[in-house]
């Protein structure tokens, strides 16, 4: 059994955000993507981070095509925000839209 203790690291998330995410109709892939975004943004005290499709695929165990499709959906639904588009040498920067009242997802 893993020794999971807060003193070994934790991600600080506002209670209101964490409590409201389950009310939105998100599929499993979308929820996995959101968790990865939360870990690599809030988990390192930042609002956004460079996150490539390969990174998401490795972090979730899902295929890049599936991850790409669901990230596009989350961006269209205003759940994720792109703070910088990708280039040939850098991945795009993504963050979570913490204003969940503006998410275009059924709840």
N, C-alpha and C. Protein backbone atom coordinates (compact mmCIF):
# COMPACT_ATOMS: atom_id res chain seq x y z
N UNK A 1 0.85 -1.18 0.00
CA UNK A 1 0.00 0.00 0.00
C UNK A 1 0.89 1.25 0.00
N UNK A 2 0.54 2.20 -0.82
CA UNK A 2 1.31 3.44 -0.92
C UNK A 2 1.15 4.27 0.35
N UNK A 3 2.22 4.96 0.71
CA UNK A 3 2.19 5.84 1.88
C UNK A 3 1.73 7.21 1.41
N UNK A 4 0.43 7.42 1.41
CA UNK A 4 -0.16 8.66 0.92
C UNK A 4 -0.46 9.57 2.11
N UNK A 5 0.35 10.60 2.25
CA UNK A 5 0.21 11.53 3.35
C UNK A 5 0.33 12.96 2.82
N UNK A 6 -0.43 13.92 3.38
CA UNK A 6 -0.34 15.31 2.92
C UNK A 6 1.08 15.88 2.99
N UNK A 7 1.86 15.45 3.96
CA UNK A 7 3.22 15.98 4.07
C UNK A 7 4.12 15.52 2.92
N UNK A 8 3.66 14.57 2.13
CA UNK A 8 4.40 14.13 0.94
C UNK A 8 3.99 14.91 -0.30
N UNK A 9 3.14 15.90 -0.12
CA UNK A 9 2.69 16.75 -1.22
C UNK A 9 1.17 16.72 -1.35
N UNK A 10 0.62 17.83 -1.77
CA UNK A 10 -0.82 17.93 -1.97
C UNK A 10 -1.10 19.05 -2.96
N UNK A 11 -2.31 19.05 -3.49
CA UNK A 11 -2.76 20.08 -4.42
C UNK A 11 -3.86 20.87 -3.75
N UNK A 12 -3.65 22.17 -3.62
CA UNK A 12 -4.61 23.05 -2.96
C UNK A 12 -5.65 23.50 -3.99
N UNK A 13 -6.91 23.11 -3.76
CA UNK A 13 -8.01 23.45 -4.65
C UNK A 13 -9.13 24.07 -3.82
N UNK A 14 -9.74 25.11 -4.34
CA UNK A 14 -10.85 25.75 -3.63
C UNK A 14 -11.99 24.73 -3.45
N UNK A 15 -12.54 24.70 -2.25
CA UNK A 15 -13.62 23.76 -1.94
C UNK A 15 -14.79 23.91 -2.90
N UNK A 16 -15.18 25.15 -3.20
CA UNK A 16 -16.34 25.37 -4.07
C UNK A 16 -16.13 24.74 -5.44
N UNK A 17 -14.93 24.84 -5.97
CA UNK A 17 -14.64 24.23 -7.27
C UNK A 17 -14.70 22.71 -7.17
N UNK A 18 -14.03 22.16 -6.20
CA UNK A 18 -13.99 20.71 -6.03
C UNK A 18 -15.38 20.13 -5.77
N UNK A 19 -16.20 20.85 -5.02
CA UNK A 19 -17.55 20.38 -4.71
C UNK A 19 -18.51 20.48 -5.88
N UNK A 20 -18.25 21.39 -6.82
CA UNK A 20 -19.17 21.59 -7.94
C UNK A 20 -18.83 20.78 -9.19
N UNK A 21 -17.59 20.37 -9.36
CA UNK A 21 -17.22 19.58 -10.54
C UNK A 21 -18.10 18.35 -10.71
N UNK A 22 -18.40 17.58 -9.64
CA UNK A 22 -19.23 16.38 -9.82
C UNK A 22 -20.64 16.64 -10.35
N UNK A 23 -21.13 17.87 -10.24
CA UNK A 23 -22.48 18.16 -10.71
C UNK A 23 -22.56 18.32 -12.23
N UNK A 24 -21.41 18.48 -12.88
CA UNK A 24 -21.40 18.63 -14.33
C UNK A 24 -21.32 17.28 -15.00
N UNK A 25 -22.01 17.15 -16.12
CA UNK A 25 -22.03 15.90 -16.86
C UNK A 25 -20.76 15.81 -17.73
N UNK A 26 -19.73 15.27 -17.14
CA UNK A 26 -18.45 15.08 -17.82
C UNK A 26 -18.22 13.58 -17.97
N UNK A 27 -17.63 13.18 -19.09
CA UNK A 27 -17.32 11.76 -19.22
C UNK A 27 -16.00 11.46 -18.51
N UNK A 28 -15.65 10.20 -18.42
CA UNK A 28 -14.46 9.79 -17.68
C UNK A 28 -13.18 10.39 -18.23
N UNK A 29 -13.07 10.46 -19.55
CA UNK A 29 -11.88 11.04 -20.16
C UNK A 29 -11.77 12.51 -19.81
N UNK A 30 -12.87 13.23 -19.89
CA UNK A 30 -12.86 14.65 -19.56
C UNK A 30 -12.47 14.87 -18.10
N UNK A 31 -13.00 14.06 -17.21
CA UNK A 31 -12.66 14.19 -15.80
C UNK A 31 -11.18 13.89 -15.57
N UNK A 32 -10.65 12.88 -16.24
CA UNK A 32 -9.21 12.57 -16.13
C UNK A 32 -8.37 13.75 -16.60
N UNK A 33 -8.76 14.37 -17.70
CA UNK A 33 -8.03 15.52 -18.23
C UNK A 33 -8.07 16.67 -17.22
N UNK A 34 -9.23 16.93 -16.64
CA UNK A 34 -9.36 18.01 -15.65
C UNK A 34 -8.46 17.73 -14.45
N UNK A 35 -8.42 16.49 -13.99
CA UNK A 35 -7.57 16.14 -12.85
C UNK A 35 -6.09 16.37 -13.17
N UNK A 36 -5.68 16.02 -14.39
CA UNK A 36 -4.29 16.25 -14.79
C UNK A 36 -4.00 17.75 -14.82
N UNK A 37 -4.92 18.53 -15.39
CA UNK A 37 -4.72 19.99 -15.44
C UNK A 37 -4.63 20.55 -14.03
N UNK A 38 -5.51 20.13 -13.13
CA UNK A 38 -5.45 20.60 -11.75
C UNK A 38 -4.13 20.25 -11.09
N UNK A 39 -3.67 19.03 -11.29
CA UNK A 39 -2.42 18.59 -10.67
C UNK A 39 -1.24 19.42 -11.14
N UNK A 40 -1.16 19.68 -12.45
CA UNK A 40 0.03 20.34 -13.00
C UNK A 40 -0.11 21.86 -13.08
N UNK A 41 -1.22 22.39 -12.63
CA UNK A 41 -1.35 23.84 -12.49
C UNK A 41 -1.43 24.16 -11.00
N UNK A 42 -2.57 23.95 -10.38
CA UNK A 42 -2.74 24.26 -8.97
C UNK A 42 -1.73 23.50 -8.10
N UNK A 43 -1.40 22.29 -8.49
CA UNK A 43 -0.45 21.48 -7.72
C UNK A 43 0.94 22.09 -7.66
N UNK A 44 1.24 22.99 -8.58
CA UNK A 44 2.53 23.69 -8.58
C UNK A 44 2.33 25.20 -8.42
N UNK A 45 1.19 25.59 -7.86
CA UNK A 45 0.84 26.98 -7.60
C UNK A 45 0.95 27.86 -8.85
N UNK A 46 0.39 27.37 -9.95
CA UNK A 46 0.35 28.17 -11.17
C UNK A 46 -1.04 28.08 -11.79
N UNK A 47 -1.35 29.05 -12.63
CA UNK A 47 -2.68 29.12 -13.25
C UNK A 47 -2.77 28.36 -14.56
N UNK A 48 -1.63 28.19 -15.23
CA UNK A 48 -1.62 27.46 -16.49
C UNK A 48 -0.28 26.76 -16.63
N UNK A 49 -0.20 25.87 -17.62
CA UNK A 49 1.04 25.12 -17.83
C UNK A 49 1.05 24.55 -19.24
N UNK A 50 2.25 24.36 -19.78
CA UNK A 50 2.41 23.70 -21.08
C UNK A 50 2.06 22.23 -20.92
N UNK A 51 1.05 21.78 -21.63
CA UNK A 51 0.60 20.39 -21.54
C UNK A 51 0.35 19.87 -22.95
N UNK A 52 1.19 18.96 -23.39
CA UNK A 52 1.07 18.40 -24.74
C UNK A 52 0.12 17.21 -24.74
N UNK A 53 -0.30 16.81 -25.93
CA UNK A 53 -1.16 15.62 -26.06
C UNK A 53 -0.42 14.38 -25.57
N UNK A 54 0.86 14.29 -25.87
CA UNK A 54 1.66 13.15 -25.41
C UNK A 54 1.70 13.12 -23.89
N UNK A 55 1.86 14.28 -23.27
CA UNK A 55 1.87 14.34 -21.81
C UNK A 55 0.55 13.82 -21.25
N UNK A 56 -0.58 14.31 -21.80
CA UNK A 56 -1.89 13.85 -21.33
C UNK A 56 -2.06 12.35 -21.55
N UNK A 57 -1.64 11.86 -22.70
CA UNK A 57 -1.76 10.43 -22.99
C UNK A 57 -0.98 9.61 -21.98
N UNK A 58 0.23 10.04 -21.67
CA UNK A 58 1.04 9.32 -20.68
C UNK A 58 0.47 9.44 -19.28
N UNK A 59 -0.07 10.60 -18.94
CA UNK A 59 -0.60 10.83 -17.59
C UNK A 59 -1.92 10.11 -17.34
N UNK A 60 -2.66 9.81 -18.41
CA UNK A 60 -3.98 9.19 -18.25
C UNK A 60 -4.04 7.74 -18.74
N UNK A 61 -3.08 7.34 -19.56
CA UNK A 61 -3.12 6.01 -20.15
C UNK A 61 -4.08 5.92 -21.33
N UNK A 62 -4.52 7.05 -21.83
CA UNK A 62 -5.47 7.10 -22.95
C UNK A 62 -4.74 7.42 -24.24
N UNK A 63 -5.39 7.18 -25.37
CA UNK A 63 -4.80 7.48 -26.67
C UNK A 63 -4.82 8.97 -26.98
N UNK A 64 -3.83 9.41 -27.77
CA UNK A 64 -3.73 10.83 -28.10
C UNK A 64 -4.94 11.33 -28.89
N UNK A 65 -5.51 10.50 -29.76
CA UNK A 65 -6.68 10.91 -30.53
C UNK A 65 -7.86 11.19 -29.61
N UNK A 66 -8.08 10.30 -28.66
CA UNK A 66 -9.18 10.46 -27.71
C UNK A 66 -8.94 11.69 -26.83
N UNK A 67 -7.73 11.86 -26.34
CA UNK A 67 -7.39 13.01 -25.50
C UNK A 67 -7.59 14.31 -26.28
N UNK A 68 -7.12 14.34 -27.52
CA UNK A 68 -7.25 15.53 -28.36
C UNK A 68 -8.72 15.90 -28.55
N UNK A 69 -9.55 14.91 -28.86
CA UNK A 69 -10.98 15.15 -29.07
C UNK A 69 -11.63 15.73 -27.82
N UNK A 70 -11.33 15.16 -26.66
CA UNK A 70 -11.96 15.61 -25.42
C UNK A 70 -11.43 16.96 -24.94
N UNK A 71 -10.15 17.24 -25.17
CA UNK A 71 -9.62 18.56 -24.82
C UNK A 71 -10.31 19.62 -25.67
N UNK A 72 -10.48 19.35 -26.96
CA UNK A 72 -11.18 20.31 -27.82
C UNK A 72 -12.59 20.57 -27.29
N UNK A 73 -13.27 19.52 -26.85
CA UNK A 73 -14.62 19.68 -26.29
C UNK A 73 -14.58 20.54 -25.02
N UNK A 74 -13.62 20.28 -24.15
CA UNK A 74 -13.52 21.04 -22.91
C UNK A 74 -13.19 22.51 -23.17
N UNK A 75 -12.41 22.78 -24.20
CA UNK A 75 -12.12 24.17 -24.57
C UNK A 75 -13.38 24.84 -25.12
N UNK A 76 -14.08 24.14 -26.02
CA UNK A 76 -15.32 24.68 -26.59
C UNK A 76 -16.37 24.95 -25.50
N UNK A 77 -16.38 24.10 -24.48
CA UNK A 77 -17.36 24.24 -23.40
C UNK A 77 -16.89 25.18 -22.29
N UNK A 78 -15.76 25.84 -22.52
CA UNK A 78 -15.23 26.85 -21.61
C UNK A 78 -14.80 26.29 -20.26
N UNK A 79 -14.49 24.99 -20.21
CA UNK A 79 -13.99 24.37 -18.99
C UNK A 79 -12.48 24.59 -18.91
N UNK A 80 -11.80 24.37 -20.03
CA UNK A 80 -10.37 24.65 -20.12
C UNK A 80 -10.17 25.92 -20.93
N UNK A 81 -9.13 26.67 -20.60
CA UNK A 81 -8.79 27.87 -21.35
C UNK A 81 -7.37 27.72 -21.90
N UNK A 82 -7.21 28.17 -23.12
CA UNK A 82 -5.89 28.18 -23.76
C UNK A 82 -5.30 29.56 -23.50
N UNK A 83 -4.18 29.59 -22.80
CA UNK A 83 -3.54 30.87 -22.52
C UNK A 83 -2.40 31.16 -23.49
N UNK A 84 -1.96 30.12 -24.20
CA UNK A 84 -0.99 30.30 -25.28
C UNK A 84 -1.12 29.13 -26.24
N UNK A 85 -1.23 29.44 -27.51
CA UNK A 85 -1.34 28.40 -28.53
C UNK A 85 0.00 27.69 -28.70
N UNK A 86 -0.05 26.48 -29.22
CA UNK A 86 1.17 25.72 -29.44
C UNK A 86 1.94 26.26 -30.64
N UNK A 87 3.23 25.99 -30.64
CA UNK A 87 4.10 26.31 -31.77
C UNK A 87 4.78 25.01 -32.18
N UNK A 88 5.70 25.09 -33.11
CA UNK A 88 6.42 23.90 -33.52
C UNK A 88 7.35 23.39 -32.42
N UNK A 89 7.71 24.24 -31.49
CA UNK A 89 8.66 23.86 -30.44
C UNK A 89 8.07 23.84 -29.04
N UNK A 90 6.87 24.38 -28.85
CA UNK A 90 6.27 24.45 -27.53
C UNK A 90 4.83 23.97 -27.54
N UNK A 91 4.45 23.27 -26.49
CA UNK A 91 3.05 22.84 -26.34
C UNK A 91 2.21 24.05 -25.94
N UNK A 92 0.92 23.95 -26.20
CA UNK A 92 0.04 25.05 -25.77
C UNK A 92 -0.04 25.06 -24.25
N UNK A 93 -0.37 26.23 -23.73
CA UNK A 93 -0.58 26.37 -22.29
C UNK A 93 -2.07 26.29 -22.02
N UNK A 94 -2.42 25.44 -21.07
CA UNK A 94 -3.81 25.25 -20.68
C UNK A 94 -3.99 25.55 -19.20
N UNK A 95 -5.18 25.97 -18.87
CA UNK A 95 -5.57 26.16 -17.48
C UNK A 95 -7.04 25.82 -17.32
N UNK A 96 -7.46 25.64 -16.09
CA UNK A 96 -8.87 25.38 -15.81
C UNK A 96 -9.58 26.70 -15.61
N UNK A 97 -10.75 26.85 -16.23
CA UNK A 97 -11.58 28.03 -15.99
C UNK A 97 -12.25 27.83 -14.64
N UNK A 98 -11.75 28.51 -13.62
CA UNK A 98 -12.27 28.30 -12.27
C UNK A 98 -13.67 28.89 -12.08
N UNK A 99 -14.13 29.71 -13.03
CA UNK A 99 -15.48 30.26 -12.95
C UNK A 99 -16.45 29.25 -13.58
N UNK A 100 -16.78 28.22 -12.81
CA UNK A 100 -17.59 27.11 -13.33
C UNK A 100 -19.00 27.55 -13.73
N UNK A 101 -19.45 28.72 -13.32
CA UNK A 101 -20.75 29.22 -13.74
C UNK A 101 -20.78 29.53 -15.24
N UNK A 102 -19.61 29.69 -15.86
CA UNK A 102 -19.54 29.98 -17.29
C UNK A 102 -19.29 28.75 -18.13
N UNK A 103 -19.16 27.59 -17.49
CA UNK A 103 -18.96 26.34 -18.24
C UNK A 103 -20.23 26.04 -19.04
N UNK A 104 -20.06 25.61 -20.27
CA UNK A 104 -21.19 25.26 -21.14
C UNK A 104 -21.39 23.75 -21.14
N UNK A 105 -21.56 23.21 -19.93
CA UNK A 105 -21.74 21.77 -19.72
C UNK A 105 -23.01 21.60 -18.92
N UNK A 106 -23.83 20.61 -19.30
CA UNK A 106 -25.03 20.34 -18.52
C UNK A 106 -24.67 19.94 -17.10
N UNK A 107 -25.52 20.38 -16.18
CA UNK A 107 -25.31 19.94 -14.78
C UNK A 107 -26.63 19.57 -14.16
